[in-house]
């Protein structure tokens, strides 16, 4: 039975992406994880973090650029020891947050002025992902606070969450 479900799910996923509904489907499948990222990042006092797999790895305002991945609690603690102490961070929560980003296909998270931006991909100033706006206070042409990138496309998803593209 599980083998019979795979082709059906695959066809549905391709169909949704072909008609522009792939972002909504991804959001619905990851909604609880995205909300957990929002809540956990606030609780952990983390306002900026990457998934620790790409070239630039960031935790709050400490940037490390090298080819190593930091995916375990021990690796994160060693790489960011000074930042973890300075910001009084809980390395277990930081590692859990990194894992949740990775599970949802999010490469970085930033929060500022009540906004949370979850970047899925892009290059330099052209990126896309999810954003949660306080009071649904966002529209095309608006500059997202953490990066000051201009929103060129915006799809409302649910309860203050949007899918965005910038340039």
N, C-alpha and C. Protein backbone atom coordinates (compact mmCIF):
# COMPACT_ATOMS: atom_id res chain seq x y z
N UNK A 1 0.80 -1.20 0.00
CA UNK A 1 0.00 0.00 0.00
C UNK A 1 0.85 1.27 0.00
N UNK A 2 1.92 1.40 0.86
CA UNK A 2 2.73 2.61 0.85
C UNK A 2 3.36 2.89 -0.52
N UNK A 3 3.74 1.84 -1.25
CA UNK A 3 4.31 2.05 -2.58
C UNK A 3 3.29 2.63 -3.55
N UNK A 4 2.03 2.31 -3.37
CA UNK A 4 0.98 2.84 -4.25
C UNK A 4 0.73 4.32 -3.96
N UNK A 5 0.97 4.76 -2.75
CA UNK A 5 0.72 6.15 -2.38
C UNK A 5 1.80 7.07 -2.96
N UNK A 6 3.04 6.61 -3.06
CA UNK A 6 4.14 7.43 -3.54
C UNK A 6 3.87 8.05 -4.92
N UNK A 7 3.46 7.27 -5.93
CA UNK A 7 3.21 7.89 -7.24
C UNK A 7 2.07 8.92 -7.19
N UNK A 8 1.09 8.67 -6.37
CA UNK A 8 -0.03 9.61 -6.26
C UNK A 8 0.45 10.92 -5.65
N UNK A 9 1.22 10.84 -4.58
CA UNK A 9 1.76 12.04 -3.94
C UNK A 9 2.69 12.78 -4.90
N UNK A 10 3.49 12.07 -5.64
CA UNK A 10 4.40 12.68 -6.60
C UNK A 10 3.63 13.43 -7.67
N UNK A 11 2.61 12.83 -8.22
CA UNK A 11 1.80 13.49 -9.26
C UNK A 11 1.13 14.74 -8.69
N UNK A 12 0.60 14.65 -7.50
CA UNK A 12 -0.05 15.81 -6.87
C UNK A 12 0.97 16.92 -6.65
N UNK A 13 2.16 16.58 -6.17
CA UNK A 13 3.20 17.59 -5.93
C UNK A 13 3.60 18.29 -7.23
N UNK A 14 3.79 17.54 -8.31
CA UNK A 14 4.12 18.15 -9.59
C UNK A 14 2.99 19.04 -10.10
N UNK A 15 1.76 18.59 -9.92
CA UNK A 15 0.61 19.37 -10.36
C UNK A 15 0.54 20.69 -9.58
N UNK A 16 0.70 20.62 -8.27
CA UNK A 16 0.64 21.83 -7.45
C UNK A 16 1.74 22.81 -7.82
N UNK A 17 2.95 22.31 -8.07
CA UNK A 17 4.03 23.21 -8.45
C UNK A 17 3.80 23.80 -9.83
N UNK A 18 3.19 23.04 -10.74
CA UNK A 18 2.92 23.53 -12.09
C UNK A 18 1.88 24.65 -12.09
N UNK A 19 0.94 24.62 -11.18
CA UNK A 19 -0.09 25.66 -11.14
C UNK A 19 0.23 26.73 -10.10
N UNK A 20 1.45 26.72 -9.57
CA UNK A 20 1.86 27.75 -8.62
C UNK A 20 1.40 27.52 -7.19
N UNK A 21 1.00 26.33 -6.87
CA UNK A 21 0.51 26.03 -5.53
C UNK A 21 1.55 25.29 -4.69
N UNK A 22 2.73 25.09 -5.23
CA UNK A 22 3.76 24.35 -4.51
C UNK A 22 4.14 25.00 -3.19
N UNK A 23 4.21 26.35 -3.18
CA UNK A 23 4.56 27.06 -1.95
C UNK A 23 3.51 26.85 -0.87
N UNK A 24 2.24 26.89 -1.27
CA UNK A 24 1.18 26.68 -0.30
C UNK A 24 1.21 25.26 0.24
N UNK A 25 1.46 24.29 -0.65
CA UNK A 25 1.54 22.89 -0.20
C UNK A 25 2.72 22.70 0.76
N UNK A 26 3.88 23.28 0.41
CA UNK A 26 5.05 23.19 1.30
C UNK A 26 4.74 23.83 2.64
N UNK A 27 4.06 24.97 2.61
CA UNK A 27 3.71 25.64 3.87
C UNK A 27 2.80 24.76 4.72
N UNK A 28 1.78 24.18 4.11
CA UNK A 28 0.85 23.34 4.87
C UNK A 28 1.56 22.13 5.48
N UNK A 29 2.49 21.56 4.73
CA UNK A 29 3.24 20.40 5.24
C UNK A 29 4.22 20.79 6.35
N UNK A 30 4.66 22.04 6.35
CA UNK A 30 5.69 22.48 7.31
C UNK A 30 5.20 23.53 8.29
N UNK A 31 3.90 23.83 8.29
CA UNK A 31 3.35 24.91 9.10
C UNK A 31 3.71 24.79 10.58
N UNK A 32 3.55 23.62 11.15
CA UNK A 32 3.84 23.48 12.58
C UNK A 32 5.34 23.65 12.85
N UNK A 33 6.18 23.20 11.95
CA UNK A 33 7.62 23.36 12.11
C UNK A 33 8.03 24.83 11.97
N UNK A 34 7.42 25.55 11.03
CA UNK A 34 7.73 26.97 10.85
C UNK A 34 7.30 27.77 12.08
N UNK A 35 6.14 27.43 12.62
CA UNK A 35 5.68 28.10 13.84
C UNK A 35 6.60 27.76 15.01
N UNK A 36 7.08 26.52 15.06
CA UNK A 36 8.02 26.13 16.11
C UNK A 36 9.33 26.90 15.98
N UNK A 37 9.78 27.16 14.76
CA UNK A 37 10.99 27.96 14.54
C UNK A 37 10.77 29.37 15.09
N UNK A 38 9.62 29.94 14.80
CA UNK A 38 9.29 31.28 15.30
C UNK A 38 9.32 31.30 16.83
N UNK A 39 8.61 30.38 17.45
CA UNK A 39 8.52 30.33 18.91
C UNK A 39 9.88 30.00 19.55
N UNK A 40 10.55 29.00 19.04
CA UNK A 40 11.84 28.58 19.61
C UNK A 40 12.89 29.67 19.47
N UNK A 41 12.93 30.36 18.34
CA UNK A 41 13.94 31.41 18.16
C UNK A 41 13.72 32.55 19.16
N UNK A 42 12.46 32.87 19.45
CA UNK A 42 12.18 33.89 20.46
C UNK A 42 12.61 33.40 21.84
N UNK A 43 12.22 32.16 22.16
CA UNK A 43 12.55 31.58 23.46
C UNK A 43 14.06 31.45 23.65
N UNK A 44 14.78 31.12 22.59
CA UNK A 44 16.22 30.90 22.66
C UNK A 44 17.02 32.20 22.54
N UNK A 45 16.33 33.34 22.31
CA UNK A 45 16.99 34.63 22.13
C UNK A 45 17.92 34.64 20.92
N UNK A 46 17.49 33.94 19.86
CA UNK A 46 18.26 33.90 18.61
C UNK A 46 17.51 34.76 17.59
N UNK A 47 18.19 35.80 17.10
CA UNK A 47 17.56 36.68 16.12
C UNK A 47 18.09 36.48 14.72
N UNK A 48 19.12 35.66 14.59
CA UNK A 48 19.65 35.36 13.26
C UNK A 48 20.43 34.05 13.33
N UNK A 49 20.13 33.15 12.39
CA UNK A 49 20.82 31.86 12.36
C UNK A 49 20.70 31.29 10.96
N UNK A 50 21.72 30.57 10.55
CA UNK A 50 21.66 29.83 9.29
C UNK A 50 21.51 28.35 9.62
N UNK A 51 21.30 27.55 8.58
CA UNK A 51 21.18 26.11 8.81
C UNK A 51 22.54 25.45 9.01
N UNK A 52 23.61 26.23 8.99
CA UNK A 52 24.99 25.80 9.26
C UNK A 52 25.54 24.85 8.20
N UNK A 53 24.92 24.81 7.04
CA UNK A 53 25.40 23.93 5.97
C UNK A 53 26.01 24.71 4.81
N UNK A 54 25.57 25.94 4.59
CA UNK A 54 26.05 26.73 3.46
C UNK A 54 27.40 27.36 3.80
N UNK A 55 27.96 28.07 2.83
CA UNK A 55 29.26 28.68 3.01
C UNK A 55 29.28 29.66 4.20
N UNK A 56 28.29 30.54 4.27
CA UNK A 56 28.22 31.49 5.38
C UNK A 56 27.35 30.91 6.48
N UNK A 57 27.91 30.79 7.65
CA UNK A 57 27.18 30.27 8.80
C UNK A 57 27.10 31.39 9.82
N UNK A 58 25.88 31.63 10.33
CA UNK A 58 25.70 32.77 11.22
C UNK A 58 24.87 32.38 12.44
N UNK A 59 25.24 32.94 13.57
CA UNK A 59 24.46 32.83 14.81
C UNK A 59 24.45 34.21 15.43
N UNK A 60 23.25 34.79 15.54
CA UNK A 60 23.08 36.18 15.93
C UNK A 60 24.01 37.03 15.06
N UNK A 61 24.96 37.74 15.58
CA UNK A 61 25.78 38.58 14.69
C UNK A 61 27.19 38.03 14.47
N UNK A 62 27.41 36.76 14.77
CA UNK A 62 28.72 36.16 14.50
C UNK A 62 28.64 35.32 13.24
N UNK A 63 29.46 35.70 12.25
CA UNK A 63 29.49 35.03 10.96
C UNK A 63 30.78 34.22 10.84
N UNK A 64 30.63 32.97 10.45
CA UNK A 64 31.78 32.10 10.19
C UNK A 64 31.68 31.68 8.74
N UNK A 65 32.72 31.92 7.98
CA UNK A 65 32.73 31.54 6.57
C UNK A 65 33.82 30.50 6.35
N UNK A 66 33.39 29.27 6.17
CA UNK A 66 34.32 28.21 5.84
C UNK A 66 33.55 27.05 5.24
N UNK A 67 34.21 25.97 4.97
CA UNK A 67 33.58 24.85 4.29
C UNK A 67 33.02 23.78 5.22
N UNK A 68 33.19 23.94 6.53
CA UNK A 68 32.70 22.93 7.46
C UNK A 68 31.22 23.13 7.75
N UNK A 69 30.51 22.04 7.98
CA UNK A 69 29.13 22.09 8.44
C UNK A 69 29.11 21.92 9.95
N UNK A 70 28.22 22.63 10.60
CA UNK A 70 28.05 22.49 12.03
C UNK A 70 26.62 22.02 12.25
N UNK A 71 26.46 20.72 12.39
CA UNK A 71 25.11 20.16 12.47
C UNK A 71 24.80 19.52 13.81
N UNK A 72 25.80 19.33 14.64
CA UNK A 72 25.55 18.73 15.95
C UNK A 72 25.70 19.79 17.03
N UNK A 73 25.14 19.50 18.18
CA UNK A 73 25.24 20.40 19.31
C UNK A 73 26.70 20.66 19.67
N UNK A 74 27.51 19.63 19.66
CA UNK A 74 28.93 19.76 20.01
C UNK A 74 29.67 20.66 19.00
N UNK A 75 29.39 20.48 17.69
CA UNK A 75 30.05 21.30 16.66
C UNK A 75 29.64 22.77 16.78
N UNK A 76 28.36 23.00 17.03
CA UNK A 76 27.87 24.37 17.18
C UNK A 76 28.49 25.01 18.42
N UNK A 77 28.54 24.27 19.52
CA UNK A 77 29.12 24.79 20.76
C UNK A 77 30.59 25.16 20.57
N UNK A 78 31.33 24.35 19.85
CA UNK A 78 32.75 24.63 19.63
C UNK A 78 32.94 25.83 18.70
N UNK A 79 32.17 25.91 17.63
CA UNK A 79 32.35 26.97 16.65
C UNK A 79 31.89 28.33 17.17
N UNK A 80 30.85 28.35 17.99
CA UNK A 80 30.26 29.60 18.45
C UNK A 80 30.36 29.80 19.95
N UNK A 81 31.38 29.23 20.57
CA UNK A 81 31.50 29.29 22.03
C UNK A 81 31.44 30.71 22.57
N UNK A 82 32.17 31.63 21.95
CA UNK A 82 32.18 33.02 22.41
C UNK A 82 30.83 33.68 22.28
N UNK A 83 30.14 33.48 21.18
CA UNK A 83 28.82 34.07 20.94
C UNK A 83 27.79 33.47 21.88
N UNK A 84 27.88 32.17 22.11
CA UNK A 84 26.93 31.50 23.01
C UNK A 84 27.08 32.05 24.43
N UNK A 85 28.33 32.25 24.87
CA UNK A 85 28.56 32.83 26.20
C UNK A 85 28.13 34.30 26.25
N UNK A 86 28.53 35.08 25.23
CA UNK A 86 28.24 36.52 25.22
C UNK A 86 26.74 36.81 25.21
N UNK A 87 25.98 36.02 24.44
CA UNK A 87 24.53 36.24 24.34
C UNK A 87 23.74 35.37 25.32
N UNK A 88 24.46 34.61 26.16
CA UNK A 88 23.84 33.72 27.14
C UNK A 88 22.81 32.79 26.48
N UNK A 89 23.26 32.12 25.42
CA UNK A 89 22.40 31.22 24.66
C UNK A 89 22.48 29.80 25.18
N UNK A 90 21.43 29.05 25.00
CA UNK A 90 21.37 27.64 25.35
C UNK A 90 21.72 26.86 24.09
N UNK A 91 22.88 26.20 24.08
CA UNK A 91 23.35 25.53 22.87
C UNK A 91 22.39 24.43 22.43
N UNK A 92 21.70 23.80 23.37
CA UNK A 92 20.72 22.77 23.02
C UNK A 92 19.58 23.36 22.19
N UNK A 93 19.10 24.54 22.59
CA UNK A 93 18.03 25.21 21.83
C UNK A 93 18.53 25.69 20.47
N UNK A 94 19.77 26.17 20.43
CA UNK A 94 20.36 26.62 19.16
C UNK A 94 20.46 25.43 18.20
N UNK A 95 20.93 24.29 18.68
CA UNK A 95 21.05 23.09 17.84
C UNK A 95 19.68 22.61 17.37
N UNK A 96 18.68 22.65 18.24
CA UNK A 96 17.33 22.25 17.86
C UNK A 96 16.76 23.20 16.81
N UNK A 97 17.00 24.48 16.97
CA UNK A 97 16.55 25.47 15.99
C UNK A 97 17.20 25.22 14.63
N UNK A 98 18.50 24.97 14.63
CA UNK A 98 19.21 24.67 13.38
C UNK A 98 18.61 23.44 12.71
N UNK A 99 18.29 22.42 13.49
CA UNK A 99 17.71 21.19 12.97
C UNK A 99 16.33 21.45 12.36
N UNK A 100 15.52 22.27 13.00
CA UNK A 100 14.19 22.60 12.49
C UNK A 100 14.29 23.38 11.18
N UNK A 101 15.26 24.27 11.08
CA UNK A 101 15.48 24.98 9.82
C UNK A 101 15.79 23.99 8.70
N UNK A 102 16.71 23.09 9.00
CA UNK A 102 17.14 22.10 8.02
C UNK A 102 15.98 21.21 7.57
N UNK A 103 15.16 20.76 8.52
CA UNK A 103 14.03 19.89 8.19
C UNK A 103 13.02 20.56 7.26
N UNK A 104 12.89 21.88 7.35
CA UNK A 104 11.92 22.60 6.53
C UNK A 104 12.50 23.18 5.25
N UNK A 105 13.77 22.93 5.00
CA UNK A 105 14.40 23.47 3.79
C UNK A 105 14.70 24.95 3.90
N UNK A 106 14.86 25.44 5.12
CA UNK A 106 15.15 26.86 5.36
C UNK A 106 16.66 27.01 5.51
N UNK A 107 17.25 27.96 4.76
CA UNK A 107 18.70 28.15 4.85
C UNK A 107 19.10 29.19 5.89
N UNK A 108 18.18 30.12 6.20
CA UNK A 108 18.49 31.09 7.25
C UNK A 108 17.22 31.70 7.83
N UNK A 109 17.35 32.19 9.05
CA UNK A 109 16.25 32.84 9.75
C UNK A 109 16.77 34.16 10.31
N UNK A 110 15.93 35.18 10.18
CA UNK A 110 16.25 36.47 10.80
C UNK A 110 14.96 37.07 11.35
N UNK A 111 15.08 37.74 12.49
CA UNK A 111 13.91 38.40 13.06
C UNK A 111 14.31 39.82 13.46
N UNK A 112 13.36 40.73 13.24
CA UNK A 112 13.57 42.12 13.62
C UNK A 112 12.23 42.83 13.59
N UNK A 113 12.01 43.69 14.56
CA UNK A 113 10.78 44.50 14.63
C UNK A 113 9.50 43.69 14.48
N UNK A 114 9.48 42.48 15.04
CA UNK A 114 8.29 41.64 14.97
C UNK A 114 8.17 40.80 13.72
N UNK A 115 9.04 40.99 12.74
CA UNK A 115 9.05 40.20 11.52
C UNK A 115 9.97 39.01 11.70
N UNK A 116 9.61 37.88 11.11
CA UNK A 116 10.53 36.75 11.02
C UNK A 116 10.62 36.39 9.55
N UNK A 117 11.85 36.27 9.05
CA UNK A 117 12.10 35.95 7.65
C UNK A 117 12.82 34.62 7.60
N UNK A 118 12.23 33.66 6.90
CA UNK A 118 12.80 32.33 6.73
C UNK A 118 13.15 32.16 5.26
N UNK A 119 14.42 32.29 4.95
CA UNK A 119 14.89 32.24 3.57
C UNK A 119 15.09 30.79 3.13
N UNK A 120 14.51 30.46 1.98
CA UNK A 120 14.65 29.11 1.44
C UNK A 120 15.76 29.05 0.39
N UNK A 121 16.00 30.14 -0.31
CA UNK A 121 17.03 30.13 -1.34
C UNK A 121 17.13 31.49 -1.99
N UNK A 122 18.00 31.56 -2.98
CA UNK A 122 18.22 32.79 -3.71
C UNK A 122 19.69 33.11 -3.76
N UNK A 123 19.99 34.28 -4.30
CA UNK A 123 21.37 34.70 -4.48
C UNK A 123 21.45 36.20 -4.22
N UNK A 124 22.32 36.58 -3.30
CA UNK A 124 22.52 37.99 -2.92
C UNK A 124 21.22 38.64 -2.51
N UNK A 125 20.68 39.53 -3.36
CA UNK A 125 19.46 40.24 -2.97
C UNK A 125 18.20 39.65 -3.61
N UNK A 126 18.33 38.59 -4.37
CA UNK A 126 17.18 37.90 -4.96
C UNK A 126 16.96 36.62 -4.17
N UNK A 127 16.00 36.66 -3.28
CA UNK A 127 15.75 35.48 -2.46
C UNK A 127 14.27 35.23 -2.33
N UNK A 128 13.95 34.06 -1.78
CA UNK A 128 12.55 33.69 -1.58
C UNK A 128 12.43 32.86 -0.32
N UNK A 129 11.23 32.84 0.23
CA UNK A 129 10.99 32.06 1.43
C UNK A 129 9.71 32.50 2.10
N UNK A 130 9.65 32.28 3.41
CA UNK A 130 8.48 32.63 4.20
C UNK A 130 8.79 33.84 5.07
N UNK A 131 7.75 34.60 5.31
CA UNK A 131 7.89 35.68 6.26
C UNK A 131 6.60 35.82 7.04
N UNK A 132 6.76 36.13 8.31
CA UNK A 132 5.61 36.38 9.17
C UNK A 132 5.67 37.85 9.56
N UNK A 133 4.58 38.55 9.28
CA UNK A 133 4.54 39.98 9.52
C UNK A 133 3.59 40.29 10.67
N UNK A 134 4.01 41.17 11.58
CA UNK A 134 3.11 41.55 12.66
C UNK A 134 1.92 42.32 12.09
N UNK A 135 0.74 41.97 12.54
CA UNK A 135 -0.48 42.65 12.10
C UNK A 135 -0.68 42.62 10.58
N UNK A 136 -0.13 41.60 9.91
CA UNK A 136 -0.22 41.49 8.44
C UNK A 136 0.25 42.77 7.75
N UNK A 137 1.24 43.43 8.33
CA UNK A 137 1.72 44.72 7.87
C UNK A 137 2.83 44.57 6.83
N UNK A 138 2.47 44.07 5.65
CA UNK A 138 3.45 43.88 4.58
C UNK A 138 2.71 43.93 3.25
N UNK A 139 3.38 44.42 2.23
CA UNK A 139 2.81 44.44 0.88
C UNK A 139 3.94 44.50 -0.13
N UNK A 140 3.60 44.26 -1.39
CA UNK A 140 4.59 44.32 -2.46
C UNK A 140 5.18 45.73 -2.48
N UNK A 141 6.49 45.81 -2.62
CA UNK A 141 7.20 47.08 -2.59
C UNK A 141 7.77 47.43 -1.23
N UNK A 142 7.34 46.71 -0.20
CA UNK A 142 7.81 46.94 1.16
C UNK A 142 9.23 46.38 1.30
N UNK A 143 10.03 47.01 2.14
CA UNK A 143 11.38 46.52 2.41
C UNK A 143 11.35 45.71 3.71
N UNK A 144 11.75 44.43 3.62
CA UNK A 144 11.76 43.55 4.78
C UNK A 144 12.81 44.04 5.77
N UNK A 145 12.43 44.30 7.03
CA UNK A 145 13.35 44.89 8.00
C UNK A 145 14.72 44.21 8.18
N UNK A 146 14.82 42.89 8.38
CA UNK A 146 16.16 42.37 8.67
C UNK A 146 17.18 42.62 7.56
N UNK A 147 16.74 42.64 6.33
CA UNK A 147 17.69 42.76 5.22
C UNK A 147 17.49 44.00 4.37
N UNK A 148 16.39 44.69 4.52
CA UNK A 148 16.04 45.85 3.70
C UNK A 148 15.96 45.47 2.22
N UNK A 149 15.49 44.25 1.93
CA UNK A 149 15.29 43.83 0.55
C UNK A 149 13.85 44.12 0.15
N UNK A 150 13.64 44.54 -1.08
CA UNK A 150 12.32 44.92 -1.54
C UNK A 150 11.52 43.70 -1.97
N UNK A 151 10.31 43.57 -1.45
CA UNK A 151 9.41 42.47 -1.80
C UNK A 151 8.84 42.74 -3.19
N UNK A 152 9.01 41.78 -4.12
CA UNK A 152 8.44 41.95 -5.46
C UNK A 152 7.25 41.04 -5.70
N UNK A 153 7.10 40.01 -4.87
CA UNK A 153 5.96 39.11 -4.98
C UNK A 153 5.63 38.61 -3.58
N UNK A 154 4.33 38.53 -3.30
CA UNK A 154 3.89 38.18 -1.96
C UNK A 154 2.61 37.38 -2.06
N UNK A 155 2.60 36.21 -1.43
CA UNK A 155 1.41 35.37 -1.40
C UNK A 155 1.02 35.15 0.06
N UNK A 156 -0.18 35.57 0.41
CA UNK A 156 -0.65 35.38 1.78
C UNK A 156 -0.99 33.92 1.98
N UNK A 157 -0.52 33.34 3.08
CA UNK A 157 -0.72 31.92 3.35
C UNK A 157 -1.73 31.71 4.48
N UNK A 158 -1.36 32.11 5.70
CA UNK A 158 -2.25 31.87 6.84
C UNK A 158 -1.75 32.62 8.06
N UNK A 159 -2.66 33.31 8.73
CA UNK A 159 -2.40 33.88 10.04
C UNK A 159 -1.10 34.69 10.11
N UNK A 160 -0.91 35.61 9.15
CA UNK A 160 0.27 36.47 9.15
C UNK A 160 1.48 35.92 8.42
N UNK A 161 1.40 34.70 7.92
CA UNK A 161 2.49 34.09 7.17
C UNK A 161 2.31 34.36 5.68
N UNK A 162 3.43 34.61 5.00
CA UNK A 162 3.44 34.91 3.57
C UNK A 162 4.59 34.14 2.91
N UNK A 163 4.44 33.93 1.60
CA UNK A 163 5.58 33.47 0.79
C UNK A 163 6.02 34.68 0.01
N UNK A 164 7.33 34.95 -0.01
CA UNK A 164 7.83 36.18 -0.63
C UNK A 164 8.96 35.91 -1.61
N UNK A 165 9.13 36.84 -2.52
CA UNK A 165 10.30 36.94 -3.40
C UNK A 165 10.81 38.37 -3.28
N UNK A 166 12.12 38.55 -3.30
CA UNK A 166 12.70 39.88 -3.24
C UNK A 166 13.60 40.12 -4.44
N UNK A 167 13.97 41.36 -4.61
CA UNK A 167 14.99 41.73 -5.58
C UNK A 167 15.73 42.95 -5.09
